[in-house]
Amino acid sequence: MKNYSTMILRLAIFSAVAIVLAICGVAVWQAITTDATSDYYTLSYVFLLGTCLAAIPCFIALYQSYKLLGYIDTNLAFSDLSVKALKVIRHSALVEFFICALGGLPFFYIVAEKEDAPGLIIIGMVIAGVAFIISVFASVLSRLFQEAAAMKSENDLTI
């Protein structure tokens, strides 16, 4: 029997994938429909490039999260496989943070200056902050799972 909490988390992962795909679709649509004489022509392609570049580590982290839920369902939560998945999630989130912080924040600043909407900068900061928090959380979980896996292997050897 499957655990309902992992099924709900898998549904959340699929929802996150759908949201990221929708954002990428909006970026493609924006790039296609922007008039070449518009002031936003270059910005729409920068938005498309940044969105697609940021989506790659996001999809990697979501896939590893899905695999981690599979390990939890098969009672391999405290194994080297789950530690490896958490390390990949940590690295993906860190890459996402740098993409958002170094590429996204200047973009949001330029758009906020053109539109006179300073709240856009906060959106960029929130996205980068969430990626950083996920990286730190995955790092802590990785260390905990690694220690639990070591204790589990010691207990298996003593029994």
N, C-alpha and C. Protein backbone atom coordinates (compact mmCIF):
# COMPACT_ATOMS: atom_id res chain seq x y z
N MET A 1 0.84 -1.18 0.00
CA MET A 1 0.00 0.00 0.00
C MET A 1 0.88 1.24 0.00
N LYS A 2 0.55 2.17 -0.86
CA LYS A 2 1.34 3.39 -0.96
C LYS A 2 0.96 4.37 0.14
N ASN A 3 1.91 5.15 0.48
CA ASN A 3 1.72 6.17 1.49
C ASN A 3 1.04 7.38 0.85
N TYR A 4 -0.03 7.87 1.48
CA TYR A 4 -0.78 8.98 0.90
C TYR A 4 0.01 10.29 0.93
N SER A 5 0.87 10.44 1.91
CA SER A 5 1.64 11.69 1.98
C SER A 5 2.61 11.79 0.80
N THR A 6 3.22 10.67 0.41
CA THR A 6 4.11 10.73 -0.76
C THR A 6 3.32 10.92 -2.04
N MET A 7 2.10 10.41 -2.09
CA MET A 7 1.26 10.64 -3.27
C MET A 7 0.90 12.12 -3.39
N ILE A 8 0.62 12.75 -2.26
CA ILE A 8 0.31 14.18 -2.28
C ILE A 8 1.54 14.98 -2.70
N LEU A 9 2.71 14.58 -2.21
CA LEU A 9 3.94 15.27 -2.61
C LEU A 9 4.24 15.07 -4.09
N ARG A 10 3.94 13.89 -4.63
CA ARG A 10 4.13 13.68 -6.07
C ARG A 10 3.18 14.57 -6.86
N LEU A 11 1.98 14.73 -6.37
CA LEU A 11 1.03 15.64 -7.03
C LEU A 11 1.56 17.07 -6.99
N ALA A 12 2.18 17.45 -5.88
CA ALA A 12 2.78 18.79 -5.77
C ALA A 12 3.94 18.95 -6.75
N ILE A 13 4.71 17.87 -6.94
CA ILE A 13 5.82 17.93 -7.90
C ILE A 13 5.27 18.10 -9.32
N PHE A 14 4.23 17.35 -9.66
CA PHE A 14 3.63 17.50 -10.99
C PHE A 14 3.04 18.89 -11.18
N SER A 15 2.48 19.46 -10.12
CA SER A 15 1.95 20.82 -10.20
C SER A 15 3.08 21.82 -10.43
N ALA A 16 4.21 21.62 -9.75
CA ALA A 16 5.36 22.50 -9.94
C ALA A 16 5.90 22.40 -11.36
N VAL A 17 5.93 21.19 -11.91
CA VAL A 17 6.37 21.01 -13.29
C VAL A 17 5.43 21.75 -14.23
N ALA A 18 4.12 21.64 -13.99
CA ALA A 18 3.15 22.34 -14.84
C ALA A 18 3.32 23.85 -14.75
N ILE A 19 3.60 24.36 -13.56
CA ILE A 19 3.79 25.80 -13.40
C ILE A 19 5.04 26.27 -14.15
N VAL A 20 6.14 25.52 -14.02
CA VAL A 20 7.37 25.90 -14.71
C VAL A 20 7.18 25.83 -16.23
N LEU A 21 6.49 24.80 -16.70
CA LEU A 21 6.20 24.71 -18.14
C LEU A 21 5.31 25.86 -18.61
N ALA A 22 4.35 26.27 -17.78
CA ALA A 22 3.49 27.39 -18.14
C ALA A 22 4.29 28.69 -18.22
N ILE A 23 5.22 28.88 -17.28
CA ILE A 23 6.05 30.09 -17.31
C ILE A 23 6.93 30.09 -18.55
N CYS A 24 7.48 28.93 -18.89
CA CYS A 24 8.28 28.84 -20.12
C CYS A 24 7.42 29.10 -21.35
N GLY A 25 6.18 28.62 -21.33
CA GLY A 25 5.26 28.87 -22.44
C GLY A 25 4.93 30.34 -22.58
N VAL A 26 4.75 31.03 -21.45
CA VAL A 26 4.51 32.48 -21.49
C VAL A 26 5.73 33.20 -22.07
N ALA A 27 6.92 32.74 -21.71
CA ALA A 27 8.14 33.37 -22.24
C ALA A 27 8.24 33.18 -23.74
N VAL A 28 7.92 31.98 -24.21
CA VAL A 28 7.96 31.72 -25.65
C VAL A 28 6.91 32.57 -26.36
N TRP A 29 5.70 32.60 -25.80
CA TRP A 29 4.63 33.40 -26.40
C TRP A 29 5.00 34.88 -26.44
N GLN A 30 5.59 35.36 -25.38
CA GLN A 30 6.00 36.77 -25.31
C GLN A 30 7.05 37.07 -26.38
N ALA A 31 8.00 36.15 -26.56
CA ALA A 31 9.05 36.37 -27.55
C ALA A 31 8.50 36.32 -28.97
N ILE A 32 7.53 35.46 -29.20
CA ILE A 32 6.96 35.32 -30.55
C ILE A 32 6.10 36.52 -30.91
N THR A 33 5.31 36.99 -29.97
CA THR A 33 4.33 38.02 -30.29
C THR A 33 4.84 39.45 -30.14
N THR A 34 6.04 39.65 -29.61
CA THR A 34 6.56 41.01 -29.45
C THR A 34 6.97 41.57 -30.80
N ASP A 35 6.54 42.77 -31.07
CA ASP A 35 6.85 43.45 -32.32
C ASP A 35 8.33 43.84 -32.34
N ALA A 36 8.96 43.70 -33.49
CA ALA A 36 10.40 43.98 -33.61
C ALA A 36 10.72 45.45 -33.37
N THR A 37 9.76 46.33 -33.53
CA THR A 37 10.02 47.75 -33.32
C THR A 37 9.73 48.18 -31.88
N SER A 38 9.26 47.27 -31.07
CA SER A 38 8.89 47.59 -29.69
C SER A 38 10.14 47.76 -28.82
N ASP A 39 9.99 48.53 -27.73
CA ASP A 39 11.07 48.70 -26.77
C ASP A 39 11.34 47.41 -26.01
N TYR A 40 10.36 46.54 -25.97
CA TYR A 40 10.46 45.30 -25.20
C TYR A 40 10.93 44.12 -26.05
N TYR A 41 11.34 44.36 -27.28
CA TYR A 41 11.76 43.27 -28.16
C TYR A 41 12.96 42.52 -27.59
N THR A 42 13.98 43.24 -27.19
CA THR A 42 15.17 42.61 -26.62
C THR A 42 14.86 42.00 -25.26
N LEU A 43 14.08 42.69 -24.47
CA LEU A 43 13.74 42.17 -23.14
C LEU A 43 12.95 40.87 -23.22
N SER A 44 12.12 40.73 -24.25
CA SER A 44 11.33 39.49 -24.35
C SER A 44 12.24 38.30 -24.65
N TYR A 45 13.28 38.50 -25.44
CA TYR A 45 14.21 37.41 -25.70
C TYR A 45 15.13 37.13 -24.52
N VAL A 46 15.47 38.15 -23.77
CA VAL A 46 16.23 37.95 -22.54
C VAL A 46 15.39 37.17 -21.54
N PHE A 47 14.10 37.52 -21.46
CA PHE A 47 13.17 36.79 -20.59
C PHE A 47 13.06 35.33 -21.02
N LEU A 48 12.99 35.09 -22.32
CA LEU A 48 12.92 33.72 -22.84
C LEU A 48 14.18 32.94 -22.49
N LEU A 49 15.34 33.53 -22.71
CA LEU A 49 16.60 32.86 -22.41
C LEU A 49 16.74 32.59 -20.92
N GLY A 50 16.46 33.58 -20.10
CA GLY A 50 16.58 33.41 -18.65
C GLY A 50 15.61 32.38 -18.11
N THR A 51 14.39 32.38 -18.63
CA THR A 51 13.39 31.42 -18.15
C THR A 51 13.79 29.99 -18.51
N CYS A 52 14.20 29.79 -19.74
CA CYS A 52 14.60 28.44 -20.16
C CYS A 52 15.87 27.99 -19.45
N LEU A 53 16.78 28.90 -19.22
CA LEU A 53 18.01 28.56 -18.50
C LEU A 53 17.72 28.22 -17.04
N ALA A 54 16.81 28.94 -16.42
CA ALA A 54 16.45 28.66 -15.03
C ALA A 54 15.59 27.41 -14.90
N ALA A 55 14.89 27.03 -15.95
CA ALA A 55 14.01 25.86 -15.89
C ALA A 55 14.81 24.56 -15.84
N ILE A 56 16.01 24.54 -16.39
CA ILE A 56 16.80 23.31 -16.45
C ILE A 56 17.14 22.79 -15.05
N PRO A 57 17.79 23.59 -14.18
CA PRO A 57 18.05 23.05 -12.83
C PRO A 57 16.77 22.80 -12.02
N CYS A 58 15.73 23.55 -12.34
CA CYS A 58 14.46 23.33 -11.65
C CYS A 58 13.90 21.95 -11.99
N PHE A 59 13.92 21.59 -13.26
CA PHE A 59 13.44 20.26 -13.67
C PHE A 59 14.32 19.15 -13.11
N ILE A 60 15.62 19.39 -13.04
CA ILE A 60 16.53 18.38 -12.46
C ILE A 60 16.19 18.16 -10.99
N ALA A 61 15.97 19.23 -10.25
CA ALA A 61 15.64 19.11 -8.83
C ALA A 61 14.28 18.45 -8.64
N LEU A 62 13.32 18.76 -9.49
CA LEU A 62 12.00 18.14 -9.36
C LEU A 62 12.06 16.65 -9.68
N TYR A 63 12.86 16.27 -10.68
CA TYR A 63 13.02 14.85 -10.99
C TYR A 63 13.69 14.10 -9.84
N GLN A 64 14.72 14.70 -9.25
CA GLN A 64 15.38 14.07 -8.12
C GLN A 64 14.45 13.98 -6.91
N SER A 65 13.58 14.96 -6.75
CA SER A 65 12.59 14.91 -5.67
C SER A 65 11.62 13.76 -5.90
N TYR A 66 11.23 13.56 -7.13
CA TYR A 66 10.35 12.44 -7.47
C TYR A 66 11.04 11.11 -7.18
N LYS A 67 12.32 11.02 -7.54
CA LYS A 67 13.07 9.79 -7.25
C LYS A 67 13.21 9.58 -5.74
N LEU A 68 13.41 10.65 -5.00
CA LEU A 68 13.54 10.56 -3.54
C LEU A 68 12.24 10.04 -2.92
N LEU A 69 11.11 10.47 -3.43
CA LEU A 69 9.84 9.95 -2.94
C LEU A 69 9.70 8.46 -3.26
N GLY A 70 10.23 8.03 -4.39
CA GLY A 70 10.24 6.61 -4.71
C GLY A 70 11.11 5.82 -3.74
N TYR A 71 12.23 6.39 -3.36
CA TYR A 71 13.10 5.72 -2.37
C TYR A 71 12.39 5.62 -1.02
N ILE A 72 11.65 6.66 -0.67
CA ILE A 72 10.93 6.64 0.60
C ILE A 72 9.85 5.56 0.57
N ASP A 73 9.16 5.43 -0.55
CA ASP A 73 8.11 4.41 -0.67
C ASP A 73 8.66 2.99 -0.61
N THR A 74 9.89 2.78 -1.09
CA THR A 74 10.48 1.44 -1.10
C THR A 74 11.40 1.20 0.10
N ASN A 75 11.25 2.00 1.14
CA ASN A 75 12.04 1.87 2.38
C ASN A 75 13.54 2.01 2.15
N LEU A 76 13.92 2.84 1.21
CA LEU A 76 15.33 3.15 0.97
C LEU A 76 15.63 4.61 1.31
N ALA A 77 14.85 5.15 2.25
CA ALA A 77 15.00 6.57 2.57
C ALA A 77 16.38 6.87 3.16
N PHE A 78 16.87 5.99 4.00
CA PHE A 78 18.16 6.22 4.63
C PHE A 78 19.22 5.38 3.95
N SER A 79 19.44 5.69 2.68
CA SER A 79 20.44 4.98 1.90
C SER A 79 21.30 6.00 1.16
N ASP A 80 22.34 5.50 0.52
CA ASP A 80 23.21 6.39 -0.24
C ASP A 80 22.50 6.97 -1.45
N LEU A 81 21.49 6.26 -1.96
CA LEU A 81 20.73 6.78 -3.11
C LEU A 81 19.99 8.06 -2.75
N SER A 82 19.38 8.08 -1.58
CA SER A 82 18.65 9.29 -1.17
C SER A 82 19.60 10.43 -0.84
N VAL A 83 20.75 10.10 -0.29
CA VAL A 83 21.75 11.15 -0.02
C VAL A 83 22.24 11.76 -1.32
N LYS A 84 22.45 10.91 -2.33
CA LYS A 84 22.89 11.40 -3.64
C LYS A 84 21.81 12.27 -4.28
N ALA A 85 20.54 11.85 -4.17
CA ALA A 85 19.45 12.65 -4.73
C ALA A 85 19.37 14.01 -4.04
N LEU A 86 19.55 14.03 -2.74
CA LEU A 86 19.51 15.30 -2.00
C LEU A 86 20.68 16.21 -2.38
N LYS A 87 21.84 15.62 -2.65
CA LYS A 87 22.98 16.43 -3.08
C LYS A 87 22.73 17.05 -4.45
N VAL A 88 22.10 16.28 -5.35
CA VAL A 88 21.77 16.83 -6.67
C VAL A 88 20.74 17.95 -6.53
N ILE A 89 19.76 17.76 -5.64
CA ILE A 89 18.77 18.80 -5.39
C ILE A 89 19.46 20.05 -4.84
N ARG A 90 20.39 19.87 -3.92
CA ARG A 90 21.11 21.01 -3.34
C ARG A 90 21.89 21.77 -4.41
N HIS A 91 22.60 21.04 -5.26
CA HIS A 91 23.38 21.70 -6.30
C HIS A 91 22.48 22.39 -7.33
N SER A 92 21.37 21.75 -7.67
CA SER A 92 20.44 22.35 -8.63
C SER A 92 19.84 23.63 -8.06
N ALA A 93 19.48 23.61 -6.79
CA ALA A 93 18.91 24.80 -6.16
C ALA A 93 19.95 25.92 -6.07
N LEU A 94 21.19 25.55 -5.83
CA LEU A 94 22.25 26.56 -5.77
C LEU A 94 22.49 27.18 -7.14
N VAL A 95 22.47 26.37 -8.19
CA VAL A 95 22.60 26.89 -9.55
C VAL A 95 21.42 27.80 -9.87
N GLU A 96 20.23 27.37 -9.47
CA GLU A 96 19.03 28.19 -9.68
C GLU A 96 19.15 29.53 -8.95
N PHE A 97 19.69 29.51 -7.74
CA PHE A 97 19.89 30.75 -7.00
C PHE A 97 20.82 31.69 -7.75
N PHE A 98 21.94 31.17 -8.25
CA PHE A 98 22.89 32.04 -8.96
C PHE A 98 22.32 32.55 -10.27
N ILE A 99 21.54 31.72 -10.95
CA ILE A 99 20.90 32.19 -12.19
C ILE A 99 19.93 33.31 -11.87
N CYS A 100 19.14 33.13 -10.83
CA CYS A 100 18.15 34.15 -10.46
C CYS A 100 18.81 35.40 -9.89
N ALA A 101 19.84 35.22 -9.08
CA ALA A 101 20.48 36.37 -8.44
C ALA A 101 21.32 37.17 -9.44
N LEU A 102 22.07 36.48 -10.28
CA LEU A 102 22.97 37.18 -11.19
C LEU A 102 22.32 37.56 -12.51
N GLY A 103 21.33 36.80 -12.94
CA GLY A 103 20.68 37.10 -14.20
C GLY A 103 19.29 37.67 -14.04
N GLY A 104 18.54 37.13 -13.09
CA GLY A 104 17.16 37.54 -12.94
C GLY A 104 16.98 38.90 -12.29
N LEU A 105 17.74 39.17 -11.25
CA LEU A 105 17.57 40.44 -10.55
C LEU A 105 17.90 41.65 -11.42
N PRO A 106 18.97 41.64 -12.23
CA PRO A 106 19.18 42.79 -13.13
C PRO A 106 18.05 42.93 -14.16
N PHE A 107 17.52 41.80 -14.63
CA PHE A 107 16.40 41.85 -15.57
C PHE A 107 15.18 42.48 -14.91
N PHE A 108 14.86 42.03 -13.70
CA PHE A 108 13.71 42.59 -13.00
C PHE A 108 13.92 44.08 -12.70
N TYR A 109 15.17 44.47 -12.44
CA TYR A 109 15.46 45.88 -12.18
C TYR A 109 15.20 46.72 -13.43
N ILE A 110 15.65 46.23 -14.59
CA ILE A 110 15.46 46.97 -15.85
C ILE A 110 13.98 47.10 -16.17
N VAL A 111 13.24 45.99 -16.02
CA VAL A 111 11.81 46.04 -16.31
C VAL A 111 11.09 46.94 -15.30
N ALA A 112 11.50 46.89 -14.03
CA ALA A 112 10.87 47.74 -13.02
C ALA A 112 11.13 49.22 -13.31
N GLU A 113 12.31 49.55 -13.81
CA GLU A 113 12.62 50.93 -14.17
C GLU A 113 11.78 51.39 -15.35
N LYS A 114 11.61 50.52 -16.35
CA LYS A 114 10.82 50.90 -17.53
C LYS A 114 9.34 51.05 -17.20
N GLU A 115 8.84 50.18 -16.35
CA GLU A 115 7.42 50.18 -16.02
C GLU A 115 7.09 51.00 -14.77
N ASP A 116 8.10 51.48 -14.09
CA ASP A 116 7.93 52.21 -12.83
C ASP A 116 7.15 51.37 -11.82
N ALA A 117 7.61 50.12 -11.66
CA ALA A 117 6.97 49.18 -10.74
C ALA A 117 8.04 48.54 -9.87
N PRO A 118 8.36 49.15 -8.74
CA PRO A 118 9.44 48.62 -7.90
C PRO A 118 9.12 47.27 -7.27
N GLY A 119 7.86 46.86 -7.26
CA GLY A 119 7.49 45.56 -6.70
C GLY A 119 8.04 44.39 -7.49
N LEU A 120 8.39 44.62 -8.74
CA LEU A 120 8.96 43.54 -9.55
C LEU A 120 10.31 43.07 -9.02
N ILE A 121 11.06 43.96 -8.44
CA ILE A 121 12.36 43.60 -7.87
C ILE A 121 12.17 42.63 -6.71
N ILE A 122 11.11 42.84 -5.94
CA ILE A 122 10.83 41.95 -4.81
C ILE A 122 10.51 40.54 -5.31
N ILE A 123 9.81 40.43 -6.44
CA ILE A 123 9.51 39.12 -7.02
C ILE A 123 10.80 38.38 -7.36
N GLY A 124 11.74 39.07 -7.97
CA GLY A 124 13.02 38.45 -8.29
C GLY A 124 13.79 38.04 -7.05
N MET A 125 13.72 38.87 -6.01
CA MET A 125 14.40 38.53 -4.76
C MET A 125 13.75 37.33 -4.08
N VAL A 126 12.44 37.23 -4.16
CA VAL A 126 11.74 36.09 -3.56
C VAL A 126 12.10 34.79 -4.27
N ILE A 127 12.15 34.84 -5.59
CA ILE A 127 12.50 33.63 -6.36
C ILE A 127 13.92 33.18 -6.01
N ALA A 128 14.86 34.10 -5.95
CA ALA A 128 16.24 33.75 -5.60
C ALA A 128 16.31 33.27 -4.15
N GLY A 129 15.57 33.90 -3.26
CA GLY A 129 15.58 33.49 -1.86
C GLY A 129 15.02 32.10 -1.65
N VAL A 130 13.96 31.77 -2.36
CA VAL A 130 13.39 30.43 -2.24
C VAL A 130 14.38 29.38 -2.73
N ALA A 131 15.07 29.65 -3.81
CA ALA A 131 16.07 28.71 -4.32
C ALA A 131 17.19 28.53 -3.30
N PHE A 132 17.61 29.60 -2.64
CA PHE A 132 18.66 29.50 -1.63
C PHE A 132 18.19 28.70 -0.42
N ILE A 133 16.96 28.93 0.01
CA ILE A 133 16.41 28.20 1.15
C ILE A 133 16.30 26.71 0.84
N ILE A 134 15.88 26.38 -0.36
CA ILE A 134 15.81 24.97 -0.76
C ILE A 134 17.19 24.34 -0.75
N SER A 135 18.20 25.08 -1.19
CA SER A 135 19.56 24.56 -1.19
C SER A 135 20.05 24.28 0.23
N VAL A 136 19.80 25.20 1.13
CA VAL A 136 20.22 25.01 2.53
C VAL A 136 19.46 23.85 3.16
N PHE A 137 18.16 23.77 2.92
CA PHE A 137 17.34 22.70 3.48
C PHE A 137 17.78 21.34 2.95
N ALA A 138 18.08 21.25 1.66
CA ALA A 138 18.55 19.99 1.09
C ALA A 138 19.92 19.62 1.65
N SER A 139 20.75 20.60 1.94
CA SER A 139 22.05 20.33 2.53
C SER A 139 21.90 19.74 3.93
N VAL A 140 21.01 20.32 4.72
CA VAL A 140 20.78 19.81 6.08
C VAL A 140 20.20 18.40 6.03
N LEU A 141 19.21 18.20 5.16
CA LEU A 141 18.62 16.87 5.03
C LEU A 141 19.63 15.84 4.53
N SER A 142 20.49 16.25 3.63
CA SER A 142 21.51 15.34 3.12
C SER A 142 22.44 14.87 4.23
N ARG A 143 22.84 15.81 5.07
CA ARG A 143 23.72 15.44 6.18
C ARG A 143 22.99 14.52 7.17
N LEU A 144 21.72 14.82 7.47
CA LEU A 144 20.95 13.97 8.36
C LEU A 144 20.75 12.57 7.79
N PHE A 145 20.42 12.50 6.51
CA PHE A 145 20.21 11.20 5.88
C PHE A 145 21.52 10.41 5.81
N GLN A 146 22.63 11.11 5.62
CA GLN A 146 23.93 10.44 5.57
C GLN A 146 24.27 9.84 6.93
N GLU A 147 24.02 10.58 7.99
CA GLU A 147 24.29 10.06 9.33
C GLU A 147 23.33 8.92 9.66
N ALA A 148 22.07 9.04 9.25
CA ALA A 148 21.10 7.97 9.51
C ALA A 148 21.46 6.71 8.71
N ALA A 149 21.95 6.89 7.50
CA ALA A 149 22.35 5.74 6.69
C ALA A 149 23.56 5.05 7.32
N ALA A 150 24.48 5.83 7.89
CA ALA A 150 25.64 5.24 8.56
C ALA A 150 25.20 4.47 9.80
N MET A 151 24.28 5.03 10.58
CA MET A 151 23.78 4.32 11.76
C MET A 151 23.02 3.05 11.36
N LYS A 152 22.27 3.13 10.29
CA LYS A 152 21.51 1.98 9.83
C LYS A 152 22.45 0.86 9.39
N SER A 153 23.51 1.21 8.69
CA SER A 153 24.46 0.17 8.26
C SER A 153 25.19 -0.43 9.45
N GLU A 154 25.49 0.37 10.48
CA GLU A 154 26.10 -0.18 11.69
C GLU A 154 25.15 -1.13 12.39
N ASN A 155 23.88 -0.75 12.48
CA ASN A 155 22.89 -1.62 13.13
C ASN A 155 22.68 -2.90 12.33
N ASP A 156 22.72 -2.82 11.02
CA ASP A 156 22.58 -4.03 10.19
C ASP A 156 23.75 -4.98 10.38
N LEU A 157 24.93 -4.43 10.62
CA LEU A 157 26.10 -5.28 10.82
C LEU A 157 26.11 -5.92 12.20
N THR A 158 25.51 -5.26 13.19
CA THR A 158 25.51 -5.84 14.54
C THR A 158 24.44 -6.91 14.72
N ILE A 159 23.43 -6.87 13.92
CA ILE A 159 22.34 -7.85 14.08
C ILE A 159 22.61 -9.09 13.32
